[in-house]
């Protein structure tokens, strides 16, 4: 059985950045603390730390153990709080991975109904690159993943792609930049600076191809994995960018931007990826139902 006192000692060293600081926090001698963690490593059969000069660094196994330790102690704190406050019913924790490239307003619109379910839900959102999120989904650290593309072909991770919907895209720009772009849409795009979604995004490939077919040469001045950061640069006038037409009202309400034009020929798709073929988690079901009934006007065909 896992020794949780040893796990606590290990996590204290990892979060403190060294044995001496952790020992002060725990009111132990450094020698005692080091001995306890050494016993923990011996029992597990793996090294959790490696020494780099005078510093201790987590090994790959140590990073994995530390991430689990944080969740374990957070769950313990939740249990203690529930018992102390006399809670009659525990909330459901719903852990969602959101690919960096998914627009934040789309993610919000999809997930908003989760907090209105009859059963109390604690929504935990984690942003990262899609491949890392899928790895967490495979070991059940996530309940679902929101992405702009389905499960990559040939992946060894077991998962199922549930289409949520699709949307055309609109070109947005700061007013000062828009004023310098002459001609109607799409002629105004010619020669304009463009902020392009990062390589993880499906738009990274489809958007330049569409511009090429239109005969419009743009200047790509930046690439962004984080869609929110791209919008901040766009608001500052660094370049134009595209956003799903479904999120245009939200983008215009929150950023000082104007719409240059939109096209349905470039489509951005969104998927719910789960470890199960049939969605059984009530929160995941709510996300799917909300997508097909309100967020997107053109649901994708089932796969």
Protein backbone atom coordinates (compact mmCIF):
# COMPACT_ATOMS: atom_id res chain seq x y z
CA UNK A 1 0.00 0.00 0.00
CA UNK A 2 1.23 3.49 -0.85
CA UNK A 3 2.82 5.26 2.12
CA UNK A 4 1.02 8.62 2.09
CA UNK A 5 3.33 10.14 4.70
CA UNK A 6 6.28 9.43 2.41
CA UNK A 7 4.28 10.85 -0.52
CA UNK A 8 3.68 14.00 1.52
CA UNK A 9 7.39 14.34 2.30
CA UNK A 10 8.26 13.86 -1.37
CA UNK A 11 5.68 16.47 -2.47
CA UNK A 12 6.96 18.94 0.11
CA UNK A 13 10.50 18.71 -1.26
CA UNK A 14 9.24 19.03 -4.85
CA UNK A 15 7.12 22.11 -4.07
CA UNK A 16 9.75 23.74 -1.82
CA UNK A 17 12.59 23.28 -4.27
CA UNK A 18 14.92 21.48 -1.87
CA UNK A 19 15.30 19.34 1.23
CA UNK A 20 16.36 22.14 3.60
CA UNK A 21 13.33 24.34 2.94
CA UNK A 22 10.96 21.38 3.09
CA UNK A 23 12.51 20.22 6.37
CA UNK A 24 11.93 23.67 7.89
CA UNK A 25 8.28 23.60 6.84
CA UNK A 26 7.79 20.08 8.21
CA UNK A 27 9.82 20.69 11.40
CA UNK A 28 12.15 17.80 10.60
CA UNK A 29 15.90 17.56 10.17
CA UNK A 30 17.13 17.42 6.55
CA UNK A 31 18.75 14.08 7.29
CA UNK A 32 15.47 12.57 8.52
CA UNK A 33 13.55 13.92 5.53
CA UNK A 34 16.15 12.65 3.03
CA UNK A 35 16.07 9.22 4.66
CA UNK A 36 12.26 9.04 4.46
CA UNK A 37 12.22 9.95 0.76
CA UNK A 38 15.02 7.47 0.05
CA UNK A 39 12.84 4.74 1.62
CA UNK A 40 9.95 5.90 -0.58
CA UNK A 41 12.10 5.67 -3.74
CA UNK A 42 13.39 2.24 -2.70
CA UNK A 43 9.86 0.93 -2.20
CA UNK A 44 8.71 2.31 -5.57
CA UNK A 45 11.82 1.11 -7.35
CA UNK A 46 12.37 4.41 -9.18
CA UNK A 47 14.38 7.58 -8.60
CA UNK A 48 12.15 10.61 -8.03
CA UNK A 49 14.94 13.19 -7.86
CA UNK A 50 18.29 13.69 -9.52
CA UNK A 51 21.00 16.05 -8.35
CA UNK A 52 22.10 18.74 -10.81
CA UNK A 53 24.96 20.64 -9.21
CA UNK A 54 23.61 21.75 -5.83
CA UNK A 55 19.99 21.53 -6.93
CA UNK A 56 17.49 18.68 -6.90
CA UNK A 57 15.42 18.16 -10.03
CA UNK A 58 12.45 15.87 -10.53
CA UNK A 59 12.98 12.90 -12.81
CA UNK A 60 10.33 11.93 -15.34
CA UNK A 61 8.89 9.53 -12.76
CA UNK A 62 9.12 12.28 -10.14
CA UNK A 63 7.11 14.71 -12.28
CA UNK A 64 4.42 12.09 -12.76
CA UNK A 65 4.35 11.28 -9.06
CA UNK A 66 4.19 14.98 -8.12
CA UNK A 67 1.21 15.63 -10.42
CA UNK A 68 -0.66 12.74 -8.84
CA UNK A 69 0.35 13.82 -5.34
CA UNK A 70 -1.17 17.27 -5.89
CA UNK A 71 -4.46 15.69 -6.95
CA UNK A 72 -4.44 13.21 -4.07
CA UNK A 73 -3.92 15.89 -1.42
CA UNK A 74 -6.44 18.22 -3.07
CA UNK A 75 -9.02 15.42 -2.96
CA UNK A 76 -8.16 14.82 0.68
CA UNK A 77 -8.67 18.52 1.47
CA UNK A 78 -12.02 18.44 -0.31
CA UNK A 79 -13.09 15.41 1.70
CA UNK A 80 -12.08 17.08 4.97
CA UNK A 81 -13.97 20.24 4.03
CA UNK A 82 -17.10 18.28 3.11
CA UNK A 83 -17.05 16.31 6.35
CA UNK A 84 -16.42 19.37 8.52
CA UNK A 85 -19.23 21.33 6.86
CA UNK A 86 -21.66 18.46 7.04
CA UNK A 87 -22.21 18.26 3.29
CA UNK A 88 -24.90 15.74 2.36
CA UNK A 89 -23.86 15.27 -1.24
CA UNK A 90 -20.48 15.43 -2.87
CA UNK A 91 -20.05 17.38 -6.08
CA UNK A 92 -18.93 15.73 -9.30
CA UNK A 93 -15.50 16.75 -10.57
CA UNK A 94 -15.44 17.16 -14.35
CA UNK A 95 -11.92 17.45 -15.79
CA UNK A 96 -11.72 18.88 -19.29
CA UNK A 97 -8.66 19.26 -21.48
CA UNK A 98 -8.86 22.16 -23.92
CA UNK A 99 -6.46 22.30 -26.84
CA UNK A 100 -4.57 25.63 -26.84
CA UNK A 101 -5.86 26.51 -30.30
CA UNK A 102 -9.56 26.25 -29.40
CA UNK A 103 -10.98 29.81 -29.13
CA UNK A 104 -11.79 30.64 -25.53
CA UNK A 105 -15.27 31.96 -26.29
CA UNK A 106 -16.16 28.73 -28.09
CA UNK A 107 -14.86 26.69 -25.15
CA UNK A 108 -16.90 28.81 -22.73
CA UNK A 109 -20.10 28.50 -24.77
CA UNK A 110 -19.67 24.73 -24.97
CA UNK A 111 -18.91 24.25 -21.27
CA UNK A 112 -21.26 26.82 -19.70
CA UNK A 113 -24.23 24.41 -19.29
CA UNK A 114 -22.09 22.10 -17.15
CA UNK A 115 -22.30 24.53 -14.23
CA UNK A 116 -26.09 24.58 -14.49
CA UNK A 117 -26.65 20.84 -14.10
CA UNK A 118 -28.93 19.67 -11.25
CA UNK A 119 -25.99 17.82 -9.66
CA UNK A 120 -23.25 20.10 -8.31
CA UNK A 121 -20.24 20.03 -10.63
CA UNK A 122 -16.72 21.33 -10.10
CA UNK A 123 -15.31 22.13 -13.53
CA UNK A 124 -11.53 21.70 -13.86
CA UNK A 125 -10.08 23.01 -17.14
CA UNK A 126 -6.57 22.20 -18.36
CA UNK A 127 -5.06 23.81 -21.46
CA UNK A 128 -2.23 22.16 -23.38
CA UNK A 129 -1.18 20.75 -26.73
CA UNK A 130 -3.54 18.10 -28.05
CA UNK A 131 -1.11 15.19 -27.86
CA UNK A 132 -0.39 15.82 -24.16
CA UNK A 133 -4.09 16.14 -23.38
CA UNK A 134 -4.80 12.83 -25.12
CA UNK A 135 -2.09 11.17 -23.03
CA UNK A 136 -3.84 12.40 -19.88
CA UNK A 137 -7.19 11.21 -21.26
CA UNK A 138 -5.73 7.74 -21.80
CA UNK A 139 -4.81 7.39 -18.12
CA UNK A 140 -8.17 8.87 -17.02
CA UNK A 141 -6.76 12.10 -15.65
CA UNK A 142 -9.23 13.88 -17.94
CA UNK A 143 -12.88 13.09 -18.63
CA UNK A 144 -12.89 14.63 -22.10
CA UNK A 145 -10.90 16.84 -24.47
CA UNK A 146 -12.10 19.75 -26.62
CA UNK A 147 -10.16 20.04 -29.89
CA UNK A 148 -10.36 21.54 -33.37
CA UNK A 149 -9.63 18.19 -35.01
CA UNK A 150 -10.46 14.53 -34.34
CA UNK A 151 -8.14 11.92 -32.91
CA UNK A 152 -4.96 11.91 -35.03
CA UNK A 153 -4.78 8.99 -37.45
CA UNK A 154 -2.48 6.18 -36.35
CA UNK A 155 -2.34 7.21 -32.69
CA UNK A 156 -1.86 4.38 -30.23
CA UNK A 157 -4.08 6.09 -27.66
CA UNK A 158 -7.62 4.73 -27.52
CA UNK A 159 -10.24 7.42 -27.89
CA UNK A 160 -13.35 8.43 -29.78
CA UNK A 161 -14.07 11.67 -31.62
CA UNK A 162 -17.58 13.08 -31.16
CA UNK A 163 -18.29 15.89 -33.68
CA UNK A 164 -19.73 19.01 -32.05
CA UNK A 165 -20.08 21.34 -35.01
CA UNK A 166 -18.33 23.62 -37.44
CA UNK A 167 -18.23 27.28 -38.33
CA UNK A 168 -16.96 29.54 -41.07
CA UNK A 169 -14.35 32.13 -40.14
CA UNK A 170 -14.32 35.92 -39.97
CA UNK A 171 -11.29 38.17 -40.43
CA UNK A 172 -10.88 40.64 -37.54
CA UNK A 173 -8.58 43.65 -37.16
CA UNK A 174 -8.01 46.68 -34.97
CA UNK A 175 -9.78 49.81 -36.32
CA UNK A 176 -6.51 51.59 -37.19
CA UNK A 177 -5.27 48.60 -39.19
CA UNK A 178 -8.66 48.12 -40.87
CA UNK A 179 -8.63 51.75 -42.01
CA UNK A 180 -5.37 51.15 -43.90
CA UNK A 181 -6.73 48.12 -45.77
CA UNK A 182 -8.46 49.37 -48.89
CA UNK A 183 -10.96 47.69 -51.17
CA UNK A 184 -13.81 45.33 -50.40
CA UNK A 185 -13.44 41.88 -48.90
CA UNK A 186 -11.40 39.83 -49.75
CA UNK A 187 -9.34 42.33 -51.79
CA UNK A 188 -8.53 44.27 -48.61
CA UNK A 189 -6.55 41.26 -47.35
CA UNK A 190 -3.86 41.65 -50.01
CA UNK A 191 -0.59 42.72 -48.38
CA UNK A 192 -2.11 42.79 -44.88
CA UNK A 193 -0.22 41.46 -41.83
CA UNK A 194 -1.67 38.18 -40.59
CA UNK A 195 -1.55 36.49 -37.19
CA UNK A 196 -1.72 32.77 -37.89
CA UNK A 197 -2.85 30.03 -35.47
CA UNK A 198 -0.02 27.69 -34.43
CA UNK A 199 0.95 24.44 -36.13
CA UNK A 200 -1.37 22.43 -33.89
CA UNK A 201 -4.35 24.21 -35.44
CA UNK A 202 -6.08 22.90 -38.55
CA UNK A 203 -6.31 26.54 -39.72
CA UNK A 204 -2.52 26.71 -39.88
CA UNK A 205 -2.76 24.80 -43.15
CA UNK A 206 -6.24 25.56 -44.51
CA UNK A 207 -6.15 29.35 -44.12
CA UNK A 208 -2.97 29.98 -46.20
CA UNK A 209 -4.32 27.63 -48.89
CA UNK A 210 -7.57 29.61 -49.12
CA UNK A 211 -5.68 32.91 -49.33
CA UNK A 212 -3.51 31.45 -52.11
CA UNK A 213 -6.61 30.37 -54.06
CA UNK A 214 -7.96 33.91 -53.71
CA UNK A 215 -4.71 35.30 -55.07
CA UNK A 216 -4.11 37.29 -51.87
CA UNK A 217 -0.58 37.62 -50.56
CA UNK A 218 -0.43 38.35 -46.86
CA UNK A 219 2.48 38.92 -44.51
CA UNK A 220 2.49 36.35 -41.72
CA UNK A 221 3.92 38.36 -38.82
CA UNK A 222 3.25 35.89 -36.00
CA UNK A 223 2.14 32.35 -35.13
CA UNK A 224 0.28 31.59 -31.88
CA UNK A 225 -0.60 28.34 -30.15
CA UNK A 226 -2.70 30.31 -27.67
CA UNK A 227 -5.79 31.78 -29.36
CA UNK A 228 -6.34 34.35 -26.57
CA UNK A 229 -2.80 35.71 -26.91
CA UNK A 230 -3.32 36.02 -30.66
CA UNK A 231 -6.39 38.19 -30.03
CA UNK A 232 -4.43 40.46 -27.68
CA UNK A 233 -1.84 41.04 -30.42
CA UNK A 234 -4.67 41.62 -32.88
CA UNK A 235 -6.30 44.19 -30.62
CA UNK A 236 -2.94 45.99 -30.39
CA UNK A 237 -2.88 46.29 -34.19
CA UNK A 238 -0.08 43.81 -34.88
CA UNK A 239 -2.12 42.06 -37.56
CA UNK A 240 -5.47 40.67 -38.57
CA UNK A 241 -6.59 37.19 -37.48
CA UNK A 242 -9.51 34.85 -38.03
CA UNK A 243 -12.07 33.67 -35.52
CA UNK A 244 -15.07 31.34 -35.94
CA UNK A 245 -18.13 33.26 -37.10
CA UNK A 246 -19.98 31.67 -34.17
CA UNK A 247 -17.80 33.69 -31.78
CA UNK A 248 -17.75 37.05 -33.64
CA UNK A 249 -20.30 38.77 -31.32
CA UNK A 250 -18.27 37.76 -28.26
CA UNK A 251 -14.96 38.83 -29.81
CA UNK A 252 -16.33 42.22 -30.86
CA UNK A 253 -17.87 42.77 -27.42
CA UNK A 254 -14.64 42.03 -25.55
CA UNK A 255 -12.01 43.42 -27.92
CA UNK A 256 -11.84 46.72 -29.81
CA UNK A 257 -11.96 45.13 -33.26
CA UNK A 258 -13.84 45.39 -36.51
CA UNK A 259 -14.83 42.63 -38.92
CA UNK A 260 -13.19 42.83 -42.35
CA UNK A 261 -15.32 40.06 -43.80
CA UNK A 262 -16.08 36.37 -43.49
CA UNK A 263 -16.02 33.21 -45.56
CA UNK A 264 -17.72 29.84 -45.33
CA UNK A 265 -15.08 28.26 -47.57
CA UNK A 266 -12.70 27.99 -44.60
CA UNK A 267 -14.35 25.90 -41.90
CA UNK A 268 -13.22 25.43 -38.32
CA UNK A 269 -14.40 22.17 -36.76
CA UNK A 270 -14.72 21.21 -33.13
CA UNK A 271 -14.70 17.80 -31.48
CA UNK A 272 -15.29 16.27 -28.08
CA UNK A 273 -12.78 13.45 -27.61
CA UNK A 274 -13.51 10.85 -24.95
CA UNK A 275 -12.13 7.51 -23.85
CA UNK A 276 -15.56 5.96 -24.37
CA UNK A 277 -17.48 5.33 -27.58
CA UNK A 278 -20.78 6.40 -25.99
CA UNK A 279 -20.88 9.46 -23.76
CA UNK A 280 -22.09 8.49 -20.29
CA UNK A 281 -20.79 11.33 -18.10
CA UNK A 282 -23.73 13.74 -17.57
CA UNK A 283 -21.48 16.77 -18.03
CA UNK A 284 -20.08 15.45 -21.32
CA UNK A 285 -23.62 14.75 -22.49
CA UNK A 286 -24.57 18.34 -21.63
CA UNK A 287 -21.65 19.68 -23.69
CA UNK A 288 -22.65 17.60 -26.72
CA UNK A 289 -26.33 18.53 -26.48
CA UNK A 290 -25.51 22.22 -26.09
CA UNK A 291 -23.22 22.17 -29.14
CA UNK A 292 -25.86 20.65 -31.38
CA UNK A 293 -28.75 22.76 -30.14
CA UNK A 294 -27.27 26.22 -29.81
CA UNK A 295 -23.58 26.89 -30.27
CA UNK A 296 -23.22 25.77 -33.89
CA UNK A 297 -25.77 26.10 -36.66
CA UNK A 298 -24.19 23.39 -38.81
CA UNK A 299 -23.44 20.20 -36.82
CA UNK A 300 -20.97 17.83 -38.41
CA UNK A 301 -22.18 14.38 -39.50
CA UNK A 302 -21.52 11.63 -36.98
CA UNK A 303 -18.34 9.59 -37.40
